[in-house]
Structures are given as structure tokens and as C-alpha cells.
Amino acid sequence: MGYREVFRVREFRWVFMAHLFSLLGVVVSEIALTVLVYRLTGSPFLSALAFALGMLPYVIGGTLLAGIADRYPARRVLVSCDLVCAGCAALMALPATPVVALLALRCAIAMVAPVFSGTRMATLVDILGEGELFVLGRSLLRIVSQSAVLAGFGIGGVLLTVVSPRGALVITLGTFLLSALLLRAGTKRRPARSGEGGSLARYSLGGVRTVLADRRMRALLLFLWVPPMFVVVPEALAAAYADQLGLSTVWVGLLMCAMPVGTVLAELYVGSALSPAARARIALPLGAFLLLPLVGYAWVPEPGWAVALMLLSGAGFAYTLGADRWFVDSVPAELRGRAMTVHTAGLMTIQGVGMALAGAAAEVFAVSTVVAGAGVLGTTVCVLLALEVRRVLRGPGQGPPGLRREPVAATAGPPGPKGETGLTAI
């Protein structure tokens, strides 16, 4: 089974196209808004804040609004989120919109984002099932997101040489509307997963508590969160490392692109060439040691070697193809939307924390020391998490392929504890 099998599912093709346009809208809006705020204020701080606000509100939207993903029909939620983002982009594009309102509207888009992503991931399970098609479909969406890191900002920069920042925001409005149209026309109407009433905030927070209280879900959640927290350190400090070595800005771009390239290439290979059982067998070792190459920064590598180290580290993220399967199998259906939303919010938040801590540490220590330290500390934590995941998944009659003690079919997966109370993002 390969990626072509996923594209044979008609609904997935519509979701995939909607993802492309929605992602394009987000990337263009981030660049356009950052440039617009700087031109209006001349303040580097406010310009950077406009960019950072794309991450900070995730934790709020992902906790207080997570219940939307389960309480309402998925198609309605997805289309509504796109329409909200389109409305925000339209208001941003108005010439009379002040800077304070621009920042508030950026926050609103970021509040909606985890609900949209979590609902889409939960819907992907409905479309593709809980097996290997879901794993490969999720991998494709993640590859597109990583590729946007490589190409999106370049496209946005070129676009701003042709149109004004507010004109670019009008294009963003169009991409969100097109995404909404594709999702409305191409996906089936499915009922809400839960009919539970009461306060939305209480319902959402109850889902968060349920996810975090379950040992299996908590272990898998941390295993999917922690490596990205540490792996952003060399990316966040790429400009500072280039300055430490006296390199040109060309090397800054190469250093920042290396890890996404490694991730995309590794995911494409693992997803297309390896069997489900093989992907499960390599997931724990890859997740445990993907940060180990960063220890090489202790020797202050030349730029070419630094790029190679980051490529290797990025390739380790192929572990998510195995971990995704265990995760979705462990989440009860009625909790799936909230679980995916919380995971998306946490993933973005923890990467922001990692960037902030890296910057603070680089104020005291050399950049090479900070990156190497992140490699040592991150590897230690990830090994411990991998051991915990192994403990919670392994046992008689349960656990992922490759970890079970008895022979299993190559396509088998771990039976999720559907009766227990018991999260991943692009």
C-alpha cells in the first residue's frame, strides 16, 4: 500500500486540495501582515509580534474551543473555520483597519486554527479509516506543510513585489473561501461525534483532562510533542550560528531548509517503501534518537556539516508514521475531535516554548553549545519517553506491530482501549 492508494479515495482528494489552498492563505497572510505592520509602525517588535501571534493563541483555542470538533458536524466546523478566517482576512485588507485591530484579527485566525486542524484530522479517520490509509493520508498533509516551509515564504516574498500587503491579504481571502467551497462540495455530511450539552468551555476542558489522565494517551502525546520542541532549536538559532561562523545569509537559508528537506524525503521513503510492520518497528528508535545528530554541534561544525546534521535529524521525524497509527487507535471515537485539537494546540505551543528557551540560552552560551545541549538533553528525554511508550503499548495481545511478543499479520495494529477514558498535528 502506498500514497497512490490514498489519492484513490475521492473525499481525500478534496480535503487535500482544500489543505493546499488553506495553507497558502495562512503563509501569505503571515508574510503580508508582518510587512504591513512594519510599514505602518516602523517597529521591528510589532512586526515580529504579528508573526508570533500566529502561534501564541493556539493553546487557548485548543483548550477552550476543542469541544467544537466533537459537538458539531465536522463539515460544518471546517467550512465555518475557513469562513471565519476569510472574514478576518477581509477586515485586514481594509485600508482603514488600524494596527491594533490587525493584531487582534491575527489572534482570531490563530484561535480558530487548532479547531480546524483537529477537526480535519478526526475527519481524516472517518474518510480513510483507522488503518494505514489514515497514516499515509496524514503523512501527505504533513509533507505539504513541510514543503510550505521551503516554498511558501519565497512565494509570498515574490508576491509582495507585485502587489501591496493589503492586496496579498485579498488573495488570502480568496484562498480561504476556495478551501471552504472545496470542503463543502467534496466531503460528506457526518453527524456530530458527541451530543453532550452544557458549557462549551467545560466540555472542552473535560476532554483535555480525559486525554491527559490516560497513561497511554499521555505517553504518546508527549512522544509526539517533545522531539519538535528540541528540534526547533537549531532552526531558531540558524541566523545566530551563521553569525558565529561569519557566514553569509545564503547559509542561513540553507540551515533553515535542511531539516524540512530531511523530513519530507524520509517520510516519502518510509511511507512508500516500508511495510506497516517495518514502520512500527523503526518508530521508537527513530523517535528516541532523532536529536542525537545535534550533539555534533559541540565541535562547531563547518556549515556543510551543520546542514548534514540537520538533514539527519529531520529524517528522524519519519517516526511519526508509526506513532500516528498507535495514537489514533488509542483514542475513543467520541473524543477524537477534542484529542486532535488539543494535540495541534500543544504541538504549536511547545515549539514556541522551545524557540523562546533557545533564544534565552543563546544570550548566555555560544549557539553551538546551546544546540549541542539541546541534542543531549532532548535525546535523554526522548529515550525515556520511548521506553514509556514501549511499556504502555507492549503486553500480551496488545501493542504495535514489531513490539508484540506473538506473531501478527503485517497490517495489524494495536487494539485501542475504546472503553477507557483516555492525541497529532500538521
Protein backbone atom coordinates (compact mmCIF):
# COMPACT_ATOMS: atom_id res chain seq x y z
CA MET A 1 0.00 0.00 0.00
CA GLY A 2 1.39 3.41 -0.98
CA TYR A 3 0.43 7.05 -1.39
CA ARG A 4 -1.41 6.36 -4.66
CA GLU A 5 -3.96 4.30 -2.75
CA VAL A 6 -4.81 7.34 -0.63
CA PHE A 7 -5.46 9.52 -3.66
CA ARG A 8 -7.92 6.95 -4.96
CA VAL A 9 -10.27 7.99 -2.15
CA ARG A 10 -12.39 10.75 -3.66
CA GLU A 11 -13.11 12.61 -0.41
CA PHE A 12 -9.43 12.72 0.48
CA ARG A 13 -8.61 14.40 -2.84
CA TRP A 14 -10.99 17.24 -1.95
CA VAL A 15 -9.55 17.55 1.56
CA PHE A 16 -6.02 17.55 0.14
CA MET A 17 -6.81 20.37 -2.31
CA ALA A 18 -8.55 22.37 0.41
CA HIS A 19 -5.46 21.91 2.60
CA LEU A 20 -3.23 23.31 -0.15
CA PHE A 21 -5.30 26.46 -0.54
CA SER A 22 -5.84 26.95 3.19
CA LEU A 23 -2.11 26.56 3.84
CA LEU A 24 -1.31 29.03 1.05
CA GLY A 25 -3.67 31.52 2.68
CA VAL A 26 -2.00 31.15 6.07
CA VAL A 27 1.54 31.55 4.70
CA VAL A 28 0.68 34.57 2.55
CA SER A 29 -1.23 36.25 5.38
CA GLU A 30 1.70 35.79 7.79
CA ILE A 31 4.16 37.45 5.41
CA ALA A 32 1.78 40.18 4.27
CA LEU A 33 0.71 41.08 7.79
CA THR A 34 4.29 41.21 9.08
CA VAL A 35 5.32 43.54 6.26
CA LEU A 36 2.16 45.65 6.61
CA VAL A 37 2.60 46.18 10.36
CA TYR A 38 6.24 47.14 9.87
CA ARG A 39 5.35 49.67 7.16
CA LEU A 40 2.60 51.19 9.32
CA THR A 41 4.62 51.40 12.54
CA GLY A 42 8.32 51.12 11.66
CA SER A 43 8.59 48.89 14.75
CA PRO A 44 10.55 45.62 14.50
CA PHE A 45 8.93 44.47 17.75
CA LEU A 46 5.36 44.90 16.49
CA SER A 47 6.30 43.33 13.18
CA ALA A 48 7.72 40.28 14.97
CA LEU A 49 4.69 40.21 17.27
CA ALA A 50 2.39 40.00 14.25
CA PHE A 51 4.25 36.82 13.26
CA ALA A 52 4.41 35.37 16.78
CA LEU A 53 0.67 35.84 17.27
CA GLY A 54 0.23 33.07 14.73
CA MET A 55 1.39 30.62 17.44
CA LEU A 56 0.61 32.05 20.87
CA PRO A 57 -3.23 31.79 20.86
CA TYR A 58 -3.13 28.11 19.84
CA VAL A 59 -3.16 26.97 23.44
CA ILE A 60 -6.33 28.98 24.16
CA GLY A 61 -8.22 27.86 21.07
CA GLY A 62 -7.02 24.29 21.53
CA THR A 63 -8.32 24.00 25.09
CA LEU A 64 -11.37 26.25 25.46
CA LEU A 65 -12.70 25.62 21.93
CA ALA A 66 -11.64 21.99 21.45
CA GLY A 67 -15.17 20.73 22.12
CA ILE A 68 -16.42 22.30 18.88
CA ALA A 69 -14.67 19.49 16.97
CA ASP A 70 -16.86 16.81 18.60
CA ARG A 71 -20.06 18.70 19.41
CA TYR A 72 -20.89 19.85 15.87
CA PRO A 73 -20.86 18.11 12.46
CA ALA A 74 -17.32 18.09 11.08
CA ARG A 75 -18.10 19.57 7.67
CA ARG A 76 -19.92 22.50 9.26
CA VAL A 77 -16.99 23.15 11.60
CA LEU A 78 -14.41 23.03 8.80
CA VAL A 79 -16.36 25.33 6.48
CA SER A 80 -17.16 27.73 9.33
CA CYS A 81 -13.50 27.95 10.35
CA ASP A 82 -12.49 28.80 6.79
CA LEU A 83 -15.23 31.44 6.59
CA VAL A 84 -14.11 33.00 9.89
CA CYS A 85 -10.53 33.18 8.58
CA ALA A 86 -11.79 34.67 5.31
CA GLY A 87 -13.72 37.32 7.24
CA CYS A 88 -10.62 38.20 9.27
CA ALA A 89 -8.54 38.48 6.09
CA ALA A 90 -11.18 40.74 4.52
CA LEU A 91 -11.10 43.09 7.53
CA MET A 92 -7.28 43.09 7.49
CA ALA A 93 -7.31 44.12 3.84
CA LEU A 94 -9.41 47.23 4.53
CA PRO A 95 -7.27 50.40 4.35
CA ALA A 96 -8.89 51.84 7.49
CA THR A 97 -8.05 48.86 9.74
CA PRO A 98 -5.63 50.06 12.48
CA VAL A 99 -2.61 48.12 13.72
CA VAL A 100 -4.29 47.05 16.97
CA ALA A 101 -7.17 45.56 15.01
CA LEU A 102 -4.73 43.82 12.64
CA LEU A 103 -3.06 42.10 15.59
CA ALA A 104 -6.43 41.17 17.12
CA LEU A 105 -7.58 39.65 13.82
CA ARG A 106 -4.33 37.67 13.60
CA CYS A 107 -5.10 36.29 17.06
CA ALA A 108 -8.59 35.33 15.92
CA ILE A 109 -7.20 33.28 13.00
CA ALA A 110 -4.76 31.56 15.35
CA MET A 111 -7.58 30.77 17.80
CA VAL A 112 -9.54 29.05 15.03
CA ALA A 113 -6.57 27.17 13.56
CA PRO A 114 -6.31 24.32 16.13
CA VAL A 115 -10.06 23.66 15.92
CA PHE A 116 -9.82 23.45 12.13
CA SER A 117 -6.74 21.20 12.18
CA GLY A 118 -8.10 18.92 14.89
CA THR A 119 -11.44 18.54 13.17
CA ARG A 120 -9.75 17.81 9.84
CA MET A 121 -7.55 15.12 11.39
CA ALA A 122 -10.53 13.49 13.07
CA THR A 123 -12.45 13.64 9.79
CA LEU A 124 -9.49 12.03 8.04
CA VAL A 125 -10.06 8.96 10.19
CA ASP A 126 -13.71 8.91 9.09
CA ILE A 127 -12.67 9.18 5.44
CA LEU A 128 -9.71 6.80 5.40
CA GLY A 129 -10.38 4.55 8.39
CA GLU A 130 -8.11 3.90 11.35
CA GLY A 131 -5.57 1.83 9.41
CA GLU A 132 -2.68 2.51 7.07
CA LEU A 133 -4.63 4.76 4.71
CA PHE A 134 -5.02 7.24 7.56
CA VAL A 135 -1.30 7.08 8.38
CA LEU A 136 -0.35 7.74 4.74
CA GLY A 137 -3.02 10.42 4.29
CA ARG A 138 -1.82 12.26 7.38
CA SER A 139 1.74 11.91 6.16
CA LEU A 140 0.82 13.54 2.85
CA LEU A 141 -0.74 16.53 4.60
CA ARG A 142 2.33 16.84 6.82
CA ILE A 143 4.65 16.68 3.79
CA VAL A 144 2.68 19.50 2.17
CA SER A 145 3.02 21.56 5.34
CA GLN A 146 6.79 20.97 5.50
CA SER A 147 7.10 21.84 1.81
CA ALA A 148 5.28 25.10 2.53
CA VAL A 149 8.10 25.98 4.92
CA LEU A 150 10.51 25.63 1.99
CA ALA A 151 8.48 27.31 -0.74
CA GLY A 152 5.76 29.34 0.91
CA PHE A 153 7.80 32.25 2.23
CA GLY A 154 9.65 32.54 -1.08
CA ILE A 155 6.36 32.66 -2.97
CA GLY A 156 4.99 35.21 -0.52
CA GLY A 157 8.08 37.37 -0.88
CA VAL A 158 7.80 37.34 -4.67
CA LEU A 159 4.08 38.08 -4.44
CA LEU A 160 4.75 41.21 -2.38
CA THR A 161 6.93 42.58 -5.16
CA VAL A 162 3.86 42.56 -7.41
CA VAL A 163 1.02 43.54 -5.05
CA SER A 164 0.74 45.52 -1.83
CA PRO A 165 0.46 43.74 1.55
CA ARG A 166 -3.26 44.53 1.65
CA GLY A 167 -3.58 43.20 -1.88
CA ALA A 168 -1.91 39.99 -0.75
CA LEU A 169 -4.47 39.76 2.06
CA VAL A 170 -7.23 39.93 -0.56
CA ILE A 171 -5.61 36.88 -2.20
CA THR A 172 -5.61 35.21 1.22
CA LEU A 173 -9.34 35.90 1.47
CA GLY A 174 -9.81 34.09 -1.83
CA THR A 175 -7.79 31.03 -0.74
CA PHE A 176 -9.83 30.62 2.43
CA LEU A 177 -13.10 30.93 0.51
CA LEU A 178 -11.91 28.37 -2.04
CA SER A 179 -10.94 25.97 0.74
CA ALA A 180 -14.41 26.36 2.28
CA LEU A 181 -16.04 25.69 -1.09
CA LEU A 182 -13.95 22.54 -1.68
CA LEU A 183 -14.76 21.15 1.75
CA ARG A 184 -18.47 21.94 1.40
CA ALA A 185 -18.73 20.36 -2.04
CA GLY A 186 -16.33 17.44 -1.62
CA THR A 187 -16.96 15.99 1.83
CA LYS A 188 -19.94 14.14 3.23
CA ARG A 189 -22.15 15.46 5.97
CA ARG A 190 -21.47 13.42 9.10
CA PRO A 191 -23.25 13.76 12.44
CA ALA A 192 -21.52 15.19 15.49
CA ARG A 193 -19.48 12.67 17.48
CA SER A 194 -21.00 13.70 20.77
CA GLY A 195 -24.37 15.15 21.66
CA GLU A 196 -23.31 16.18 25.16
CA GLY A 197 -24.66 19.55 26.20
CA GLY A 198 -23.58 22.11 28.75
CA SER A 199 -20.90 24.78 28.64
CA LEU A 200 -18.55 24.56 25.66
CA ALA A 201 -15.54 25.53 27.80
CA ARG A 202 -16.37 22.87 30.41
CA TYR A 203 -16.91 20.24 27.71
CA SER A 204 -13.63 21.20 26.04
CA LEU A 205 -11.62 21.21 29.26
CA GLY A 206 -13.18 17.90 30.24
CA GLY A 207 -11.80 16.40 27.04
CA VAL A 208 -8.34 17.80 27.82
CA ARG A 209 -8.43 16.26 31.30
CA THR A 210 -9.56 12.92 29.91
CA VAL A 211 -6.72 12.80 27.39
CA LEU A 212 -4.03 13.81 29.87
CA ALA A 213 -5.32 11.46 32.58
CA ASP A 214 -4.89 8.34 30.45
CA ARG A 215 -1.36 6.94 30.70
CA ARG A 216 -1.28 5.59 27.16
CA MET A 217 -2.59 8.77 25.59
CA ARG A 218 -0.30 10.91 27.72
CA ALA A 219 2.80 8.91 26.77
CA LEU A 220 2.00 9.02 23.04
CA LEU A 221 1.13 12.69 23.25
CA LEU A 222 4.47 13.56 24.84
CA PHE A 223 6.30 11.31 22.37
CA LEU A 224 4.76 13.32 19.52
CA TRP A 225 5.33 16.70 21.23
CA VAL A 226 8.79 16.63 22.78
CA PRO A 227 11.05 15.95 19.75
CA PRO A 228 9.67 19.00 17.87
CA MET A 229 10.30 21.15 20.97
CA PHE A 230 14.03 20.42 20.81
CA VAL A 231 14.41 20.16 17.05
CA VAL A 232 13.38 23.80 16.51
CA VAL A 233 16.46 24.96 18.45
CA PRO A 234 18.96 24.90 15.52
CA GLU A 235 16.33 26.38 13.19
CA ALA A 236 15.56 29.21 15.61
CA LEU A 237 19.28 29.93 16.03
CA ALA A 238 20.30 29.46 12.37
CA ALA A 239 20.97 33.17 11.84
CA ALA A 240 22.92 33.39 15.09
CA TYR A 241 25.00 30.31 14.19
CA ALA A 242 25.80 31.76 10.77
CA ASP A 243 26.91 34.92 12.53
CA GLN A 244 29.06 32.89 14.94
CA LEU A 245 30.89 31.37 11.94
CA GLY A 246 30.88 34.61 9.92
CA LEU A 247 28.73 33.14 7.13
CA SER A 248 26.58 34.86 4.52
CA THR A 249 22.78 34.92 4.63
CA VAL A 250 22.74 32.19 1.96
CA TRP A 251 23.85 29.74 4.64
CA VAL A 252 21.08 30.93 6.94
CA GLY A 253 18.55 29.85 4.34
CA LEU A 254 20.28 26.50 3.81
CA LEU A 255 20.39 25.81 7.54
CA MET A 256 16.70 26.62 7.92
CA CYS A 257 15.73 24.46 4.94
CA ALA A 258 17.81 21.42 5.87
CA MET A 259 15.52 19.93 8.48
CA PRO A 260 12.26 20.20 6.47
CA VAL A 261 14.04 18.65 3.47
CA GLY A 262 15.21 15.73 5.61
CA THR A 263 11.71 15.26 6.98
CA VAL A 264 9.99 15.31 3.58
CA LEU A 265 12.47 12.89 1.96
CA ALA A 266 12.37 10.46 4.86
CA GLU A 267 8.58 10.46 5.11
CA LEU A 268 8.22 9.86 1.38
CA TYR A 269 10.61 6.92 1.54
CA VAL A 270 9.22 5.35 4.71
CA GLY A 271 5.62 5.85 3.60
CA SER A 272 6.12 4.36 0.14
CA ALA A 273 8.86 1.73 0.59
CA LEU A 274 8.30 0.21 4.05
CA SER A 275 5.51 -2.06 5.24
CA PRO A 276 3.28 -1.07 8.18
CA ALA A 277 5.12 -3.56 10.41
CA ALA A 278 8.51 -2.11 9.42
CA ARG A 279 7.30 1.44 10.09
CA ALA A 280 6.17 0.36 13.54
CA ARG A 281 9.49 -1.34 14.30
CA ILE A 282 11.57 1.75 13.48
CA ALA A 283 9.25 4.29 15.15
CA LEU A 284 10.62 4.02 18.69
CA PRO A 285 14.34 4.01 17.74
CA LEU A 286 13.87 6.95 15.36
CA GLY A 287 11.85 8.94 17.88
CA ALA A 288 14.36 8.20 20.64
CA PHE A 289 17.50 9.20 18.72
CA LEU A 290 16.44 11.77 16.11
CA LEU A 291 18.01 14.57 18.19
CA LEU A 292 21.35 12.78 18.56
CA PRO A 293 22.91 14.35 15.41
CA LEU A 294 22.58 17.78 17.05
CA VAL A 295 25.24 16.76 19.58
CA GLY A 296 27.69 17.21 16.70
CA TYR A 297 27.33 20.98 17.15
CA ALA A 298 29.62 20.61 20.18
CA TRP A 299 32.53 20.53 17.68
CA VAL A 300 31.31 23.76 15.99
CA PRO A 301 30.88 22.12 12.59
CA GLU A 302 31.53 23.90 9.34
CA PRO A 303 28.31 24.96 7.58
CA GLY A 304 28.19 21.96 5.24
CA TRP A 305 28.45 19.55 8.16
CA ALA A 306 25.86 21.54 10.11
CA VAL A 307 23.43 21.18 7.19
CA ALA A 308 24.11 17.42 7.10
CA LEU A 309 23.44 17.10 10.83
CA MET A 310 20.13 18.90 10.46
CA LEU A 311 19.16 16.75 7.47
CA LEU A 312 19.78 13.63 9.57
CA SER A 313 17.80 14.99 12.48
CA GLY A 314 14.89 15.95 10.23
CA ALA A 315 14.86 12.47 8.69
CA GLY A 316 14.16 11.03 12.12
CA PHE A 317 10.68 12.51 12.04
CA ALA A 318 9.61 9.54 9.95
CA TYR A 319 8.89 8.01 13.37
CA THR A 320 5.54 9.77 13.29
CA LEU A 321 4.21 7.33 10.66
CA GLY A 322 4.34 4.59 13.28
CA ALA A 323 3.34 6.74 16.25
CA ASP A 324 0.34 8.20 14.39
CA ARG A 325 -1.16 4.73 13.99
CA TRP A 326 -0.80 3.86 17.68
CA PHE A 327 -2.23 7.20 18.64
CA VAL A 328 -5.39 7.16 16.55
CA ASP A 329 -6.07 3.55 17.56
CA SER A 330 -5.95 4.57 21.21
CA VAL A 331 -8.41 7.48 21.04
CA PRO A 332 -12.11 6.70 21.59
CA ALA A 333 -14.22 7.89 18.67
CA GLU A 334 -16.29 10.28 20.79
CA LEU A 335 -13.10 12.01 21.99
CA ARG A 336 -11.27 12.12 18.65
CA GLY A 337 -12.00 15.72 17.63
CA ARG A 338 -11.02 17.17 21.01
CA ALA A 339 -7.93 14.95 21.24
CA MET A 340 -6.66 16.00 17.81
CA THR A 341 -7.39 19.67 18.53
CA VAL A 342 -5.55 19.59 21.84
CA HIS A 343 -2.59 17.89 20.20
CA THR A 344 -2.40 20.51 17.45
CA ALA A 345 -2.50 23.31 20.00
CA GLY A 346 0.11 21.69 22.20
CA LEU A 347 2.44 20.97 19.30
CA MET A 348 2.47 24.60 18.17
CA THR A 349 2.77 25.91 21.72
CA ILE A 350 5.63 23.63 22.72
CA GLN A 351 7.58 24.60 19.60
CA GLY A 352 7.13 28.24 20.53
CA VAL A 353 8.43 27.46 24.02
CA GLY A 354 11.41 25.66 22.51
CA MET A 355 12.26 28.68 20.33
CA ALA A 356 11.96 31.08 23.27
CA LEU A 357 14.15 28.93 25.54
CA ALA A 358 16.75 28.53 22.79
CA GLY A 359 16.92 32.28 22.32
CA ALA A 360 17.26 32.87 26.04
CA ALA A 361 20.04 30.27 26.35
CA ALA A 362 21.90 31.77 23.37
CA GLU A 363 22.10 35.06 25.27
CA VAL A 364 24.38 33.31 27.80
CA PHE A 365 26.11 30.50 25.87
CA ALA A 366 27.55 30.10 22.38
CA VAL A 367 24.99 28.99 19.80
CA SER A 368 26.89 25.78 19.10
CA THR A 369 26.81 24.94 22.82
CA VAL A 370 23.06 25.58 23.03
CA VAL A 371 22.29 23.33 20.04
CA ALA A 372 24.56 20.56 21.31
CA GLY A 373 22.97 20.86 24.75
CA ALA A 374 19.53 20.55 23.18
CA GLY A 375 20.75 17.39 21.45
CA VAL A 376 21.97 15.84 24.70
CA LEU A 377 19.01 16.84 26.84
CA GLY A 378 16.48 16.12 24.09
CA THR A 379 17.90 12.66 23.38
CA THR A 380 17.82 11.79 27.08
CA VAL A 381 14.18 12.84 27.41
CA CYS A 382 13.15 11.14 24.15
CA VAL A 383 14.79 7.85 25.14
CA LEU A 384 12.86 7.90 28.42
CA LEU A 385 9.64 8.68 26.56
CA ALA A 386 10.27 5.88 24.05
CA LEU A 387 10.72 3.44 26.93
CA GLU A 388 7.47 4.64 28.48
CA VAL A 389 5.63 4.25 25.16
CA ARG A 390 7.05 0.75 24.84
CA ARG A 391 5.79 -0.10 28.34
CA VAL A 392 2.26 1.19 27.76
CA LEU A 393 1.91 -0.47 24.36
CA ARG A 394 3.66 -3.76 24.95
CA GLY A 395 1.92 -6.68 26.57
CA PRO A 396 0.16 -9.97 25.82
CA GLY A 397 -2.22 -9.42 22.95
CA GLN A 398 -1.59 -5.71 22.62
CA GLY A 399 0.96 -3.29 21.30
CA PRO A 400 2.09 -2.15 17.86
CA PRO A 401 3.38 -4.47 15.17
CA GLY A 402 7.03 -5.17 15.79
CA LEU A 403 6.61 -4.90 19.59
CA ARG A 404 4.21 -7.76 20.15
CA ARG A 405 5.62 -10.98 21.51
CA GLU A 406 3.38 -13.21 19.45
CA PRO A 407 3.38 -13.31 15.61
CA VAL A 408 0.94 -10.89 14.00
CA ALA A 409 -0.17 -10.03 10.50
CA ALA A 410 1.81 -7.27 8.82
CA THR A 411 -1.16 -4.95 8.65
CA ALA A 412 -2.37 -5.46 12.19
CA GLY A 413 -2.46 -2.58 14.65
CA PRO A 414 -2.80 -2.17 18.36
CA PRO A 415 -6.35 -2.50 19.66
CA GLY A 416 -7.16 0.88 21.13
CA PRO A 417 -8.75 0.96 24.57
CA LYS A 418 -12.08 2.17 23.26
CA GLY A 419 -13.82 1.58 26.55
CA GLU A 420 -11.23 3.52 28.54
CA THR A 421 -11.04 7.19 29.08
CA GLY A 422 -8.28 8.23 27.59
CA LEU A 423 -3.71 12.76 20.70
CA THR A 424 -1.17 14.79 16.30
CA ALA A 425 -0.90 17.82 14.10
CA ILE A 426 0.35 19.08 10.79
